[in-house]
Protein backbone atom coordinates (compact mmCIF):
# COMPACT_ATOMS: atom_id res chain seq x y z
CA MET A 1 0.26 -7.62 11.28
CA GLU A 2 3.91 -8.35 10.67
CA HIS A 3 6.57 -5.78 11.61
CA GLY A 4 7.22 -4.75 7.98
CA GLN A 5 3.51 -4.44 7.33
CA ASP A 6 3.13 -2.30 10.44
CA GLN A 7 5.92 0.01 9.27
CA PHE A 8 4.38 0.33 5.80
CA PHE A 9 0.95 0.91 7.33
CA GLU A 10 2.22 3.84 9.41
CA TRP A 11 4.32 5.22 6.54
CA ILE A 12 1.51 5.23 3.97
CA LEU A 13 -1.17 6.37 6.41
CA ALA A 14 0.90 9.50 7.11
CA ARG A 15 0.81 10.26 3.37
CA THR A 16 -2.92 9.72 2.88
CA GLN A 17 -5.33 12.47 1.84
CA GLU A 18 -7.64 13.83 4.51
CA GLY A 19 -10.85 11.84 4.62
CA LYS A 20 -9.36 8.86 2.77
CA GLN A 21 -7.77 7.10 5.77
CA GLU A 22 -10.56 4.56 6.37
CA GLU A 23 -10.61 3.55 2.71
CA LEU A 24 -6.84 3.08 2.80
CA ILE A 25 -7.00 1.09 6.04
CA ASP A 26 -9.57 -1.27 4.49
CA LEU A 27 -7.41 -1.69 1.39
CA LEU A 28 -4.29 -2.42 3.42
CA LYS A 29 -6.10 -4.97 5.58
CA GLU A 30 -7.22 -6.71 2.40
CA ASN A 31 -3.67 -6.67 1.02
CA PHE A 32 -2.15 -7.97 4.24
CA GLU A 33 -4.66 -10.81 4.33
CA GLN A 34 -3.77 -11.71 0.74
CA GLN A 35 -0.09 -11.71 1.71
CA ARG A 36 -0.85 -13.95 4.69
CA THR A 37 -2.68 -16.48 2.52
CA GLY A 38 -0.13 -16.33 -0.31
CA SER A 39 -2.51 -14.86 -2.87
CA PHE A 40 -0.82 -11.44 -3.12
CA ASP A 41 1.03 -11.57 -6.43
CA LYS A 42 2.46 -9.02 -8.86
CA ALA A 43 -0.99 -8.37 -10.38
CA ALA A 44 -2.43 -7.72 -6.92
CA LEU A 45 0.47 -5.38 -6.18
CA GLU A 46 -0.16 -3.41 -9.36
CA GLU A 47 -3.91 -3.14 -8.69
CA SER A 48 -3.32 -2.14 -5.09
CA GLY A 49 -0.78 0.46 -6.15
CA LYS A 50 -3.27 2.07 -8.52
CA ARG A 51 -5.88 2.23 -5.78
CA ILE A 52 -3.43 3.65 -3.23
CA LEU A 53 -2.26 6.33 -5.68
CA ALA A 54 -5.81 7.70 -5.68
CA LEU A 55 -5.75 7.97 -1.89
CA ILE A 56 -2.40 9.57 -1.13
CA LYS A 57 -1.48 13.23 -1.15
CA PRO A 58 -0.17 14.43 -4.54
CA GLU A 59 3.15 15.52 -3.07
CA HIS A 60 3.87 11.90 -2.07
CA VAL A 61 3.05 10.19 -5.38
CA GLU A 62 6.65 9.87 -6.65
CA GLU A 63 7.89 8.67 -3.26
CA PHE A 64 5.17 6.01 -3.24
CA LYS A 65 5.96 4.90 -6.80
CA GLU A 66 9.62 4.45 -5.86
CA ALA A 67 8.65 2.38 -2.81
CA MET A 68 6.36 0.19 -4.93
CA GLN A 69 9.12 -0.43 -7.47
CA HIS A 70 11.45 -1.49 -4.69
CA PHE A 71 8.82 -3.80 -3.19
CA GLY A 72 7.91 -5.22 -6.59
CA LYS A 73 11.48 -6.33 -7.23
CA GLY A 74 11.14 -8.74 -4.32
CA MET A 75 8.15 -10.51 -5.85
């Protein structure tokens, strides 16, 4: 895992609903593998974002959306 991925992993895991951590970990591993192989595009980002929104605590939804917008600008 790259340094930036590690930071995001820790950041988002701290905002995950109880009991949803394993599902989020699996999703992030999938995303990081797609990034490694170059197949993580804007469509993958949008799909991943939707899935992550269902796993994070409601009080962190807006913060996550802002982070995704920032990340999406770099794609």
